[in-house]
PDB file of N, CA and C in Angstrom:
ATOM      1  N   MET A   1      96.203  81.051 100.446  1.00  0.00           N
ATOM      2  CA  MET A   1      97.062  81.581 101.474  1.00  0.00           C
ATOM      3  C   MET A   1      96.237  82.185 102.599  1.00  0.00           C
ATOM      4  N   GLY A   2      95.069  82.784 102.330  1.00  0.00           N
ATOM      5  CA  GLY A   2      94.288  83.415 103.383  1.00  0.00           C
ATOM      6  C   GLY A   2      93.015  82.674 103.666  1.00  0.00           C
ATOM      7  N   SER A   3      92.196  83.280 104.515  1.00  0.00           N
ATOM      8  CA  SER A   3      90.906  82.710 104.855  1.00  0.00           C
ATOM      9  C   SER A   3      89.872  83.160 103.841  1.00  0.00           C
ATOM     10  N   SER A   4      88.621  82.842 104.112  1.00  0.00           N
ATOM     11  CA  SER A   4      87.577  83.184 103.156  1.00  0.00           C
ATOM     12  C   SER A   4      87.363  84.690 103.097  1.00  0.00           C
ATOM     13  N   PRO A   5      86.871  85.180 101.958  1.00  0.00           N
ATOM     14  CA  PRO A   5      86.647  86.614 101.807  1.00  0.00           C
ATOM     15  C   PRO A   5      85.579  87.125 102.767  1.00  0.00           C
ATOM     16  N   THR A   6      85.636  88.405 103.045  1.00  0.00           N
ATOM     17  CA  THR A   6      84.643  89.046 103.893  1.00  0.00           C
ATOM     18  C   THR A   6      83.448  89.458 103.054  1.00  0.00           C
ATOM     19  N   ALA A   7      82.327  89.696 103.708  1.00  0.00           N
ATOM     20  CA  ALA A   7      81.145  90.185 103.006  1.00  0.00           C
ATOM     21  C   ALA A   7      81.474  91.541 102.393  1.00  0.00           C
ATOM     22  N   GLY A   8      81.109  91.734 101.144  1.00  0.00           N
ATOM     23  CA  GLY A   8      81.367  92.986 100.466  1.00  0.00           C
ATOM     24  C   GLY A   8      82.785  93.107  99.950  1.00  0.00           C
ATOM     25  N   SER A   9      83.555  92.057 100.034  1.00  0.00           N
ATOM     26  CA  SER A   9      84.941  92.077  99.616  1.00  0.00           C
ATOM     27  C   SER A   9      85.249  90.827  98.809  1.00  0.00           C
ATOM     28  N   LEU A  10      86.159  90.972  97.875  1.00  0.00           N
ATOM     29  CA  LEU A  10      86.588  89.820  97.091  1.00  0.00           C
ATOM     30  C   LEU A  10      87.968  89.338  97.527  1.00  0.00           C
ATOM     31  N   LEU A  11      88.565  90.010  98.500  1.00  0.00           N
ATOM     32  CA  LEU A  11      89.925  89.689  98.900  1.00  0.00           C
ATOM     33  C   LEU A  11      89.928  88.876 100.186  1.00  0.00           C
ATOM     34  N   ALA A  12      90.843  87.920 100.272  1.00  0.00           N
ATOM     35  CA  ALA A  12      90.967  87.084 101.469  1.00  0.00           C
ATOM     36  C   ALA A  12      91.574  87.891 102.614  1.00  0.00           C
ATOM     37  N   LEU A  13      91.301  87.469 103.831  1.00  0.00           N
ATOM     38  CA  LEU A  13      91.873  88.106 105.020  1.00  0.00           C
ATOM     39  C   LEU A  13      93.118  87.357 105.470  1.00  0.00           C
ATOM     40  N   LEU A  14      94.170  88.117 105.799  1.00  0.00           N
ATOM     41  CA  LEU A  14      95.413  87.549 106.307  1.00  0.00           C
ATOM     42  C   LEU A  14      95.771  88.248 107.613  1.00  0.00           C
ATOM     43  N   PRO A  15      96.395  87.534 108.567  1.00  0.00           N
ATOM     44  CA  PRO A  15      96.784  88.176 109.822  1.00  0.00           C
ATOM     45  C   PRO A  15      98.100  88.945 109.678  1.00  0.00           C
ATOM     46  N   LEU A  16      98.111  90.148 110.224  1.00  0.00           N
ATOM     47  CA  LEU A  16      99.289  91.004 110.229  1.00  0.00           C
ATOM     48  C   LEU A  16      99.479  91.458 111.670  1.00  0.00           C
ATOM     49  N   CYS A  17     100.682  91.341 112.204  1.00  0.00           N
ATOM     50  CA  CYS A  17     100.930  91.753 113.591  1.00  0.00           C
ATOM     51  C   CYS A  17     101.461  93.180 113.606  1.00  0.00           C
ATOM     52  N   VAL A  18     100.716  94.047 114.272  1.00  0.00           N
ATOM     53  CA  VAL A  18     101.062  95.460 114.360  1.00  0.00           C
ATOM     54  C   VAL A  18     101.070  95.815 115.836  1.00  0.00           C
ATOM     55  N   GLY A  19     102.227  96.250 116.337  1.00  0.00           N
ATOM     56  CA  GLY A  19     102.337  96.448 117.779  1.00  0.00           C
ATOM     57  C   GLY A  19     102.126  95.098 118.446  1.00  0.00           C
ATOM     58  N   GLY A  20     101.308  95.033 119.452  1.00  0.00           N
ATOM     59  CA  GLY A  20     101.022  93.768 120.118  1.00  0.00           C
ATOM     60  C   GLY A  20      99.720  93.142 119.681  1.00  0.00           C
ATOM     61  N   ASP A  21      99.139  93.631 118.590  1.00  0.00           N
ATOM     62  CA  ASP A  21      97.820  93.166 118.165  1.00  0.00           C
ATOM     63  C   ASP A  21      97.848  92.522 116.788  1.00  0.00           C
ATOM     64  N   THR A  22      96.885  91.633 116.570  1.00  0.00           N
ATOM     65  CA  THR A  22      96.702  91.038 115.250  1.00  0.00           C
ATOM     66  C   THR A  22      95.635  91.828 114.517  1.00  0.00           C
ATOM     67  N   LEU A  23      95.976  92.238 113.322  1.00  0.00           N
ATOM     68  CA  LEU A  23      95.075  92.976 112.450  1.00  0.00           C
ATOM     69  C   LEU A  23      94.795  92.080 111.251  1.00  0.00           C
ATOM     70  N   TRP A  24      93.535  91.892 110.921  1.00  0.00           N
ATOM     71  CA  TRP A  24      93.166  91.078 109.764  1.00  0.00           C
ATOM     72  C   TRP A  24      93.035  91.994 108.566  1.00  0.00           C
ATOM     73  N   VAL A  25      93.882  91.763 107.556  1.00  0.00           N
ATOM     74  CA  VAL A  25      93.943  92.673 106.415  1.00  0.00           C
ATOM     75  C   VAL A  25      93.574  91.971 105.115  1.00  0.00           C
ATOM     76  N   GLU A  26      92.938  92.748 104.260  1.00  0.00           N
ATOM     77  CA  GLU A  26      92.785  92.361 102.866  1.00  0.00           C
ATOM     78  C   GLU A  26      94.047  92.849 102.167  1.00  0.00           C
ATOM     79  N   VAL A  27      94.551  92.088 101.227  1.00  0.00           N
ATOM     80  CA  VAL A  27      95.785  92.448 100.535  1.00  0.00           C
ATOM     81  C   VAL A  27      95.454  92.919  99.123  1.00  0.00           C
ATOM     82  N   ALA A  28      95.837  94.155  98.837  1.00  0.00           N
ATOM     83  CA  ALA A  28      95.663  94.744  97.509  1.00  0.00           C
ATOM     84  C   ALA A  28      97.041  94.763  96.858  1.00  0.00           C
ATOM     85  N   ASP A  29      97.273  93.802  95.961  1.00  0.00           N
ATOM     86  CA  ASP A  29      98.621  93.667  95.403  1.00  0.00           C
ATOM     87  C   ASP A  29      98.673  93.740  93.885  1.00  0.00           C
ATOM     88  N   ASP A  30      97.590  94.191  93.268  1.00  0.00           N
ATOM     89  CA  ASP A  30      97.655  94.438  91.829  1.00  0.00           C
ATOM     90  C   ASP A  30      97.091  95.837  91.560  1.00  0.00           C
ATOM     91  N   PRO A  31      97.355  96.396  90.382  1.00  0.00           N
ATOM     92  CA  PRO A  31      96.942  97.781  90.128  1.00  0.00           C
ATOM     93  C   PRO A  31      95.446  98.038  90.337  1.00  0.00           C
ATOM     94  N   TYR A  32      94.585  97.122  89.926  1.00  0.00           N
ATOM     95  CA  TYR A  32      93.147  97.340  90.103  1.00  0.00           C
ATOM     96  C   TYR A  32      92.779  97.375  91.584  1.00  0.00           C
ATOM     97  N   GLU A  33      93.246  96.384  92.340  1.00  0.00           N
ATOM     98  CA  GLU A  33      92.921  96.337  93.773  1.00  0.00           C
ATOM     99  C   GLU A  33      93.480  97.555  94.500  1.00  0.00           C
ATOM    100  N   ARG A  34      94.694  97.972  94.142  1.00  0.00           N
ATOM    101  CA  ARG A  34      95.284  99.149  94.789  1.00  0.00           C
ATOM    102  C   ARG A  34      94.506 100.415  94.448  1.00  0.00           C
ATOM    103  N   SER A  35      94.022 100.537  93.216  1.00  0.00           N
ATOM    104  CA  SER A  35      93.291 101.754  92.844  1.00  0.00           C
ATOM    105  C   SER A  35      91.909 101.805  93.484  1.00  0.00           C
ATOM    106  N   ARG A  36      91.284 100.677  93.708  1.00  0.00           N
ATOM    107  CA  ARG A  36      89.953 100.637  94.320  1.00  0.00           C
ATOM    108  C   ARG A  36      90.034 100.745  95.842  1.00  0.00           C
ATOM    109  N   GLY A  37      90.973 100.049  96.445  1.00  0.00           N
ATOM    110  CA  GLY A  37      91.172 100.140  97.889  1.00  0.00           C
ATOM    111  C   GLY A  37      89.896  99.935  98.683  1.00  0.00           C
ATOM    112  N   LEU A  38      89.628 100.843  99.604  1.00  0.00           N
ATOM    113  CA  LEU A  38      88.454 100.757 100.477  1.00  0.00           C
ATOM    114  C   LEU A  38      87.322 101.681 100.016  1.00  0.00           C
ATOM    115  N   MET A  39      87.345 102.062  98.748  1.00  0.00           N
ATOM    116  CA  MET A  39      86.271 102.900  98.201  1.00  0.00           C
ATOM    117  C   MET A  39      84.916 102.212  98.342  1.00  0.00           C
ATOM    118  N   PHE A  40      83.907 103.026  98.532  1.00  0.00           N
ATOM    119  CA  PHE A  40      82.499 102.606  98.529  1.00  0.00           C
ATOM    120  C   PHE A  40      82.107 101.721  99.711  1.00  0.00           C
ATOM    121  N   ARG A  41      82.972 101.558 100.690  1.00  0.00           N
ATOM    122  CA  ARG A  41      82.622 100.773 101.881  1.00  0.00           C
ATOM    123  C   ARG A  41      81.903 101.676 102.873  1.00  0.00           C
ATOM    124  N   ASP A  42      80.948 101.106 103.574  1.00  0.00           N
ATOM    125  CA  ASP A  42      80.225 101.863 104.603  1.00  0.00           C
ATOM    126  C   ASP A  42      80.814 101.667 105.990  1.00  0.00           C
ATOM    127  N   THR A  43      81.529 100.577 106.202  1.00  0.00           N
ATOM    128  CA  THR A  43      82.122 100.294 107.506  1.00  0.00           C
ATOM    129  C   THR A  43      83.452  99.565 107.324  1.00  0.00           C
ATOM    130  N   LEU A  44      84.245  99.599 108.373  1.00  0.00           N
ATOM    131  CA  LEU A  44      85.463  98.804 108.459  1.00  0.00           C
ATOM    132  C   LEU A  44      85.592  98.404 109.923  1.00  0.00           C
ATOM    133  N   PRO A  45      85.450  97.112 110.235  1.00  0.00           N
ATOM    134  CA  PRO A  45      85.524  96.678 111.637  1.00  0.00           C
ATOM    135  C   PRO A  45      86.849  97.080 112.297  1.00  0.00           C
ATOM    136  N   GLU A  46      86.843  97.167 113.618  1.00  0.00           N
ATOM    137  CA  GLU A  46      87.973  97.685 114.401  1.00  0.00           C
ATOM    138  C   GLU A  46      89.297  96.979 114.115  1.00  0.00           C
ATOM    139  N   ASN A  47      89.337  95.693 114.010  1.00  0.00           N
ATOM    140  CA  ASN A  47      90.614  94.994 113.808  1.00  0.00           C
ATOM    141  C   ASN A  47      90.774  94.489 112.381  1.00  0.00           C
ATOM    142  N   ARG A  48      90.288  95.287 111.444  1.00  0.00           N
ATOM    143  CA  ARG A  48      90.429  94.970 110.021  1.00  0.00           C
ATOM    144  C   ARG A  48      91.118  96.135 109.320  1.00  0.00           C
ATOM    145  N   GLY A  49      91.713  95.832 108.191  1.00  0.00           N
ATOM    146  CA  GLY A  49      92.356  96.870 107.407  1.00  0.00           C
ATOM    147  C   GLY A  49      92.660  96.372 106.012  1.00  0.00           C
ATOM    148  N   MET A  50      93.392  97.183 105.273  1.00  0.00           N
ATOM    149  CA  MET A  50      93.830  96.797 103.934  1.00  0.00           C
ATOM    150  C   MET A  50      95.311  97.107 103.809  1.00  0.00           C
ATOM    151  N   LEU A  51      96.069  96.104 103.347  1.00  0.00           N
ATOM    152  CA  LEU A  51      97.496  96.252 103.096  1.00  0.00           C
ATOM    153  C   LEU A  51      97.701  96.382 101.594  1.00  0.00           C
ATOM    154  N   PHE A  52      98.275  97.501 101.179  1.00  0.00           N
ATOM    155  CA  PHE A  52      98.591  97.748  99.779  1.00  0.00           C
ATOM    156  C   PHE A  52     100.047  97.356  99.569  1.00  0.00           C
ATOM    157  N   VAL A  53     100.291  96.479  98.611  1.00  0.00           N
ATOM    158  CA  VAL A  53     101.634  95.959  98.353  1.00  0.00           C
ATOM    159  C   VAL A  53     102.094  96.473  96.992  1.00  0.00           C
ATOM    160  N   PHE A  54     103.273  97.074  96.960  1.00  0.00           N
ATOM    161  CA  PHE A  54     103.838  97.618  95.730  1.00  0.00           C
ATOM    162  C   PHE A  54     105.072  96.810  95.343  1.00  0.00           C
ATOM    163  N   PRO A  55     105.431  96.800  94.048  1.00  0.00           N
ATOM    164  CA  PRO A  55     106.517  95.928  93.592  1.00  0.00           C
ATOM    165  C   PRO A  55     107.908  96.346  94.057  1.00  0.00           C
ATOM    166  N   TYR A  56     108.081  97.607  94.432  1.00  0.00           N
ATOM    167  CA  TYR A  56     109.384  98.087  94.887  1.00  0.00           C
ATOM    168  C   TYR A  56     109.162  99.343  95.740  1.00  0.00           C
ATOM    169  N   PRO A  57     110.129  99.708  96.583  1.00  0.00           N
ATOM    170  CA  PRO A  57     109.985 100.913  97.404  1.00  0.00           C
ATOM    171  C   PRO A  57     109.903 102.167  96.526  1.00  0.00           C
ATOM    172  N   GLN A  58     108.990 103.047  96.888  1.00  0.00           N
ATOM    173  CA  GLN A  58     108.778 104.281  96.139  1.00  0.00           C
ATOM    174  C   GLN A  58     107.996 105.255  97.018  1.00  0.00           C
ATOM    175  N   ARG A  59     107.961 106.508  96.625  1.00  0.00           N
ATOM    176  CA  ARG A  59     107.103 107.462  97.332  1.00  0.00           C
ATOM    177  C   ARG A  59     105.671 107.156  96.921  1.00  0.00           C
ATOM    178  N   LEU A  60     104.836 106.886  97.909  1.00  0.00           N
ATOM    179  CA  LEU A  60     103.447 106.510  97.654  1.00  0.00           C
ATOM    180  C   LEU A  60     102.533 107.707  97.843  1.00  0.00           C
ATOM    181  N   SER A  61     101.401 107.689  97.138  1.00  0.00           N
ATOM    182  CA  SER A  61     100.427 108.764  97.222  1.00  0.00           C
ATOM    183  C   SER A  61      99.032 108.162  97.328  1.00  0.00           C
ATOM    184  N   PHE A  62      98.285 108.574  98.358  1.00  0.00           N
ATOM    185  CA  PHE A  62      96.920 108.090  98.575  1.00  0.00           C
ATOM    186  C   PHE A  62      95.984 109.274  98.739  1.00  0.00           C
ATOM    187  N   TRP A  63      94.732 109.064  98.367  1.00  0.00           N
ATOM    188  CA  TRP A  63      93.677 110.043  98.585  1.00  0.00           C
ATOM    189  C   TRP A  63      92.430 109.295  98.998  1.00  0.00           C
ATOM    190  N   MET A  64      91.377 110.034  99.314  1.00  0.00           N
ATOM    191  CA  MET A  64      90.158 109.427  99.851  1.00  0.00           C
ATOM    192  C   MET A  64      88.974 109.552  98.892  1.00  0.00           C
ATOM    193  N   LYS A  65      89.246 109.655  97.608  1.00  0.00           N
ATOM    194  CA  LYS A  65      88.159 109.739  96.632  1.00  0.00           C
ATOM    195  C   LYS A  65      87.231 108.531  96.793  1.00  0.00           C
ATOM    196  N   ASN A  66      85.934 108.800  96.871  1.00  0.00           N
ATOM    197  CA  ASN A  66      84.894 107.763  96.987  1.00  0.00           C
ATOM    198  C   ASN A  66      85.047 106.886  98.230  1.00  0.00           C
ATOM    199  N   THR A  67      85.783 107.367  99.211  1.00  0.00           N
ATOM    200  CA  THR A  67      85.969 106.604 100.449  1.00  0.00           C
ATOM    201  C   THR A  67      85.098 107.227 101.530  1.00  0.00           C
ATOM    202  N   ARG A  68      84.153 106.442 102.021  1.00  0.00           N
ATOM    203  CA  ARG A  68      83.107 106.939 102.923  1.00  0.00           C
ATOM    204  C   ARG A  68      83.485 106.928 104.396  1.00  0.00           C
ATOM    205  N   ILE A  69      84.533 106.200 104.744  1.00  0.00           N
ATOM    206  CA  ILE A  69      84.867 106.016 106.159  1.00  0.00           C
ATOM    207  C   ILE A  69      86.201 106.687 106.484  1.00  0.00           C
ATOM    208  N   PRO A  70      86.332 107.287 107.672  1.00  0.00           N
ATOM    209  CA  PRO A  70      87.612 107.884 108.063  1.00  0.00           C
ATOM    210  C   PRO A  70      88.646 106.786 108.321  1.00  0.00           C
ATOM    211  N   LEU A  71      89.863 107.036 107.877  1.00  0.00           N
ATOM    212  CA  LEU A  71      90.920 106.032 107.970  1.00  0.00           C
ATOM    213  C   LEU A  71      92.197 106.639 108.537  1.00  0.00           C
ATOM    214  N   SER A  72      93.067 105.778 109.005  1.00  0.00           N
ATOM    215  CA  SER A  72      94.462 106.129 109.280  1.00  0.00           C
ATOM    216  C   SER A  72      95.306 105.285 108.337  1.00  0.00           C
ATOM    217  N   ILE A  73      96.417 105.856 107.891  1.00  0.00           N
ATOM    218  CA  ILE A  73      97.306 105.138 106.977  1.00  0.00           C
ATOM    219  C   ILE A  73      98.722 105.153 107.538  1.00  0.00           C
ATOM    220  N   ALA A  74      99.418 104.037 107.361  1.00  0.00           N
ATOM    221  CA  ALA A  74     100.840 103.947 107.703  1.00  0.00           C
ATOM    222  C   ALA A  74     101.596 103.595 106.428  1.00  0.00           C
ATOM    223  N   TYR A  75     102.673 104.319 106.172  1.00  0.00           N
ATOM    224  CA  TYR A  75     103.580 103.968 105.085  1.00  0.00           C
ATOM    225  C   TYR A  75     104.698 103.134 105.696  1.00  0.00           C
ATOM    226  N   ILE A  76     104.958 101.980 105.087  1.00  0.00           N
ATOM    227  CA  ILE A  76     105.857 100.967 105.646  1.00  0.00           C
ATOM    228  C   ILE A  76     106.959 100.667 104.634  1.00  0.00           C
ATOM    229  N   ASP A  77     108.204 100.614 105.092  1.00  0.00           N
ATOM    230  CA  ASP A  77     109.313 100.377 104.159  1.00  0.00           C
ATOM    231  C   ASP A  77     109.494  98.891 103.845  1.00  0.00           C
ATOM    232  N   ASP A  78     110.504  98.577 103.050  1.00  0.00           N
ATOM    233  CA  ASP A  78     110.717  97.200 102.589  1.00  0.00           C
ATOM    234  C   ASP A  78     111.242  96.278 103.685  1.00  0.00           C
ATOM    235  N   ARG A  79     111.546  96.831 104.864  1.00  0.00           N
ATOM    236  CA  ARG A  79     111.936  96.002 106.020  1.00  0.00           C
ATOM    237  C   ARG A  79     110.794  95.905 107.030  1.00  0.00           C
ATOM    238  N   TRP A  80     109.599  96.315 106.622  1.00  0.00           N
ATOM    239  CA  TRP A  80     108.376  96.261 107.435  1.00  0.00           C
ATOM    240  C   TRP A  80     108.403  97.237 108.615  1.00  0.00           C
ATOM    241  N   VAL A  81     109.160  98.326 108.486  1.00  0.00           N
ATOM    242  CA  VAL A  81     109.202  99.352 109.526  1.00  0.00           C
ATOM    243  C   VAL A  81     108.255 100.490 109.132  1.00  0.00           C
ATOM    244  N   ILE A  82     107.411 100.906 110.083  1.00  0.00           N
ATOM    245  CA  ILE A  82     106.497 102.025 109.834  1.00  0.00           C
ATOM    246  C   ILE A  82     107.310 103.311 109.796  1.00  0.00           C
ATOM    247  N   ARG A  83     107.241 104.012 108.678  1.00  0.00           N
ATOM    248  CA  ARG A  83     108.001 105.252 108.500  1.00  0.00           C
ATOM    249  C   ARG A  83     107.166 106.504 108.749  1.00  0.00           C
ATOM    250  N   GLU A  84     105.851 106.434 108.420  1.00  0.00           N
ATOM    251  CA  GLU A  84     104.973 107.601 108.553  1.00  0.00           C
ATOM    252  C   GLU A  84     103.558 107.123 108.823  1.00  0.00           C
ATOM    253  N   MET A  85     102.765 107.979 109.497  1.00  0.00           N
ATOM    254  CA  MET A  85     101.350 107.681 109.734  1.00  0.00           C
ATOM    255  C   MET A  85     100.549 108.976 109.593  1.00  0.00           C
ATOM    256  N   TYR A  86      99.353 108.849 109.032  1.00  0.00           N
ATOM    257  CA  TYR A  86      98.477 110.004 108.826  1.00  0.00           C
ATOM    258  C   TYR A  86      97.026 109.597 109.064  1.00  0.00           C
ATOM    259  N   ASP A  87      96.207 110.569 109.469  1.00  0.00           N
ATOM    260  CA  ASP A  87      94.762 110.376 109.539  1.00  0.00           C
ATOM    261  C   ASP A  87      94.143 110.969 108.283  1.00  0.00           C
ATOM    262  N   LEU A  88      93.132 110.288 107.760  1.00  0.00           N
ATOM    263  CA  LEU A  88      92.487 110.678 106.509  1.00  0.00           C
ATOM    264  C   LEU A  88      90.985 110.833 106.724  1.00  0.00           C
ATOM    265  N   GLU A  89      90.399 111.819 106.060  1.00  0.00           N
ATOM    266  CA  GLU A  89      88.966 112.088 106.189  1.00  0.00           C
ATOM    267  C   GLU A  89      88.219 111.637 104.934  1.00  0.00           C
ATOM    268  N   PRO A  90      86.965 111.198 105.108  1.00  0.00           N
ATOM    269  CA  PRO A  90      86.171 110.740 103.958  1.00  0.00           C
ATOM    270  C   PRO A  90      86.117 111.785 102.842  1.00  0.00           C
ATOM    271  N   TYR A  91      86.217 111.300 101.625  1.00  0.00           N
ATOM    272  CA  TYR A  91      86.045 112.077 100.394  1.00  0.00           C
ATOM    273  C   TYR A  91      87.100 113.163 100.169  1.00  0.00           C
ATOM    274  N   ASP A  92      88.130 113.236 100.978  1.00  0.00           N
ATOM    275  CA  ASP A  92      89.173 114.251 100.803  1.00  0.00           C
ATOM    276  C   ASP A  92      90.058 113.830  99.632  1.00  0.00           C
ATOM    277  N   GLU A  93      90.066 114.637  98.581  1.00  0.00           N
ATOM    278  CA  GLU A  93      90.814 114.273  97.376  1.00  0.00           C
ATOM    279  C   GLU A  93      92.225 114.861  97.344  1.00  0.00           C
ATOM    280  N   ARG A  94      92.657 115.444  98.461  1.00  0.00           N
ATOM    281  CA  ARG A  94      94.050 115.902  98.521  1.00  0.00           C
ATOM    282  C   ARG A  94      94.958 114.693  98.696  1.00  0.00           C
ATOM    283  N   ALA A  95      96.041 114.669  97.944  1.00  0.00           N
ATOM    284  CA  ALA A  95      96.985 113.548  98.020  1.00  0.00           C
ATOM    285  C   ALA A  95      97.791 113.612  99.313  1.00  0.00           C
ATOM    286  N   VAL A  96      97.981 112.450  99.931  1.00  0.00           N
ATOM    287  CA  VAL A  96      98.865 112.306 101.088  1.00  0.00           C
ATOM    288  C   VAL A  96     100.058 111.492 100.589  1.00  0.00           C
ATOM    289  N   VAL A  97     101.162 112.187 100.329  1.00  0.00           N
ATOM    290  CA  VAL A  97     102.336 111.584  99.701  1.00  0.00           C
ATOM    291  C   VAL A  97     103.362 111.233 100.773  1.00  0.00           C
ATOM    292  N   SER A  98     103.912 110.032 100.678  1.00  0.00           N
ATOM    293  CA  SER A  98     104.940 109.634 101.646  1.00  0.00           C
ATOM    294  C   SER A  98     106.210 110.454 101.423  1.00  0.00           C
ATOM    295  N   LYS A  99     106.861 110.800 102.518  1.00  0.00           N
ATOM    296  CA  LYS A  99     108.115 111.543 102.447  1.00  0.00           C
ATOM    297  C   LYS A  99     109.287 110.608 102.193  1.00  0.00           C
ATOM    298  N   HIS A 100     109.100 109.335 102.529  1.00  0.00           N
ATOM    299  CA  HIS A 100     110.144 108.321 102.404  1.00  0.00           C
ATOM    300  C   HIS A 100     109.664 107.232 101.449  1.00  0.00           C
ATOM    301  N   PRO A 101     110.594 106.534 100.782  1.00  0.00           N
ATOM    302  CA  PRO A 101     110.169 105.395  99.968  1.00  0.00           C
ATOM    303  C   PRO A 101     109.483 104.347 100.842  1.00  0.00           C
ATOM    304  N   ALA A 102     108.395 103.822 100.349  1.00  0.00           N
ATOM    305  CA  ALA A 102     107.640 102.787 101.065  1.00  0.00           C
ATOM    306  C   ALA A 102     107.263 101.696 100.077  1.00  0.00           C
ATOM    307  N   MET A 103     107.149 100.487 100.586  1.00  0.00           N
ATOM    308  CA  MET A 103     106.744  99.359  99.752  1.00  0.00           C
ATOM    309  C   MET A 103     105.332  98.904 100.089  1.00  0.00           C
ATOM    310  N   TYR A 104     104.852  99.339 101.270  1.00  0.00           N
ATOM    311  CA  TYR A 104     103.520  98.950 101.730  1.00  0.00           C
ATOM    312  C   TYR A 104     102.810 100.173 102.299  1.00  0.00           C
ATOM    313  N   ALA A 105     101.495 100.158 102.174  1.00  0.00           N
ATOM    314  CA  ALA A 105     100.653 101.131 102.871  1.00  0.00           C
ATOM    315  C   ALA A 105      99.578 100.327 103.587  1.00  0.00           C
ATOM    316  N   LEU A 106      99.303 100.698 104.817  1.00  0.00           N
ATOM    317  CA  LEU A 106      98.320  99.988 105.627  1.00  0.00           C
ATOM    318  C   LEU A 106      97.231 100.962 106.046  1.00  0.00           C
ATOM    319  N   GLU A 107      95.993 100.695 105.605  1.00  0.00           N
ATOM    320  CA  GLU A 107      94.845 101.507 105.996  1.00  0.00           C
ATOM    321  C   GLU A 107      94.019 100.756 107.032  1.00  0.00           C
ATOM    322  N   VAL A 108      93.637 101.486 108.079  1.00  0.00           N
ATOM    323  CA  VAL A 108      92.866 100.938 109.200  1.00  0.00           C
ATOM    324  C   VAL A 108      91.814 101.973 109.598  1.00  0.00           C
ATOM    325  N   PRO A 109      90.846 101.595 110.453  1.00  0.00           N
ATOM    326  CA  PRO A 109      89.896 102.598 110.941  1.00  0.00           C
ATOM    327  C   PRO A 109      90.646 103.762 111.601  1.00  0.00           C
ATOM    328  N   LYS A 110      90.156 104.978 111.369  1.00  0.00           N
ATOM    329  CA  LYS A 110      90.834 106.164 111.907  1.00  0.00           C
ATOM    330  C   LYS A 110      91.034 106.024 113.415  1.00  0.00           C
ATOM    331  N   GLY A 111      92.273 106.298 113.841  1.00  0.00           N
ATOM    332  CA  GLY A 111      92.617 106.248 115.254  1.00  0.00           C
ATOM    333  C   GLY A 111      93.089 104.887 115.739  1.00  0.00           C
ATOM    334  N   TRP A 112      93.040 103.864 114.874  1.00  0.00           N
ATOM    335  CA  TRP A 112      93.425 102.507 115.307  1.00  0.00           C
ATOM    336  C   TRP A 112      94.861 102.480 115.821  1.00  0.00           C
ATOM    337  N   PHE A 113      95.779 103.104 115.080  1.00  0.00           N
ATOM    338  CA  PHE A 113      97.186 103.090 115.496  1.00  0.00           C
ATOM    339  C   PHE A 113      97.335 103.716 116.885  1.00  0.00           C
ATOM    340  N   GLU A 114      96.715 104.858 117.094  1.00  0.00           N
ATOM    341  CA  GLU A 114      96.798 105.539 118.391  1.00  0.00           C
ATOM    342  C   GLU A 114      96.182 104.688 119.500  1.00  0.00           C
ATOM    343  N   ARG A 115      95.013 104.111 119.250  1.00  0.00           N
ATOM    344  CA  ARG A 115      94.341 103.285 120.270  1.00  0.00           C
ATOM    345  C   ARG A 115      95.156 102.057 120.648  1.00  0.00           C
ATOM    346  N   HIS A 116      95.993 101.578 119.737  1.00  0.00           N
ATOM    347  CA  HIS A 116      96.767 100.359 119.972  1.00  0.00           C
ATOM    348  C   HIS A 116      98.242 100.644 120.252  1.00  0.00           C
ATOM    349  N   GLY A 117      98.581 101.906 120.464  1.00  0.00           N
ATOM    350  CA  GLY A 117      99.946 102.270 120.845  1.00  0.00           C
ATOM    351  C   GLY A 117     100.977 102.075 119.752  1.00  0.00           C
ATOM    352  N   VAL A 118     100.558 102.086 118.492  1.00  0.00           N
ATOM    353  CA  VAL A 118     101.477 101.892 117.363  1.00  0.00           C
ATOM    354  C   VAL A 118     102.100 103.242 117.012  1.00  0.00           C
ATOM    355  N   ARG A 119     103.427 103.223 116.805  1.00  0.00           N
ATOM    356  CA  ARG A 119     104.158 104.461 116.532  1.00  0.00           C
ATOM    357  C   ARG A 119     105.083 104.289 115.319  1.00  0.00           C
ATOM    358  N   VAL A 120     105.502 105.427 114.776  1.00  0.00           N
ATOM    359  CA  VAL A 120     106.528 105.424 113.732  1.00  0.00           C
ATOM    360  C   VAL A 120     107.761 104.737 114.308  1.00  0.00           C
ATOM    361  N   GLY A 121     108.378 103.851 113.528  1.00  0.00           N
ATOM    362  CA  GLY A 121     109.543 103.087 113.970  1.00  0.00           C
ATOM    363  C   GLY A 121     109.197 101.677 114.405  1.00  0.00           C
ATOM    364  N   ASP A 122     107.907 101.413 114.666  1.00  0.00           N
ATOM    365  CA  ASP A 122     107.484 100.054 115.015  1.00  0.00           C
ATOM    366  C   ASP A 122     107.610  99.144 113.797  1.00  0.00           C
ATOM    367  N   THR A 123     107.820  97.866 114.062  1.00  0.00           N
ATOM    368  CA  THR A 123     107.931  96.869 112.997  1.00  0.00           C
ATOM    369  C   THR A 123     106.632  96.089 112.875  1.00  0.00           C
ATOM    370  N   VAL A 124     106.195  95.917 111.642  1.00  0.00           N
ATOM    371  CA  VAL A 124     105.024  95.095 111.333  1.00  0.00           C
ATOM    372  C   VAL A 124     105.534  93.697 111.029  1.00  0.00           C
ATOM    373  N   ARG A 125     104.828  92.688 111.518  1.00  0.00           N
ATOM    374  CA  ARG A 125     105.264  91.307 111.270  1.00  0.00           C
ATOM    375  C   ARG A 125     104.226  90.580 110.431  1.00  0.00           C
ATOM    376  N   PHE A 126     104.738  89.901 109.425  1.00  0.00           N
ATOM    377  CA  PHE A 126     103.919  89.018 108.596  1.00  0.00           C
ATOM    378  C   PHE A 126     104.814  87.880 108.145  1.00  0.00           C
ATOM    379  N   PRO A 127     104.484  86.667 108.452  1.00  0.00           N
ATOM    380  CA  PRO A 127     103.324  86.274 109.255  1.00  0.00           C
ATOM    381  C   PRO A 127     103.560  86.555 110.732  1.00  0.00           C
ATOM    382  N   CYS A 128     102.479  86.519 111.503  1.00  0.00           N
ATOM    383  CA  CYS A 128     102.583  86.720 112.954  1.00  0.00           C
ATOM    384  C   CYS A 128     103.338  85.540 113.556  1.00  0.00           C
ATOM    385  N   ARG A 129     104.252  85.807 114.491  1.00  0.00           N
ATOM    386  CA  ARG A 129     104.957  84.725 115.181  1.00  0.00           C
ATOM    387  C   ARG A 129     105.264  85.110 116.589  1.00  0.00           C
TER     388      ARG A 129
END
């Protein structure tokens, strides 16, 4: 379904449309991939991210254990609408829990959403069209 894996990653890249931009994401859709996430990475290119896919909408909780790079996260509902966004700092083990049920979480380089004009209420498109 996706393109070839990136260096340092075992997951394929897929295009996700966020705002007016295409973001290339790795998809973490099983418990192991979701628990590992972006841990131990030294960099994350500007238009790359990770999409965490859960089996049903629920309150999600993320932390930055073993995560070396600053990130921004968006919690996305089952209709692909961004419900919440937060900035996260490296190694911060405090949980960032969604206030609303979400089926997806999208992690990107810190500030990406702001730099690209993405706001709460925006719709994410997959596939891009």
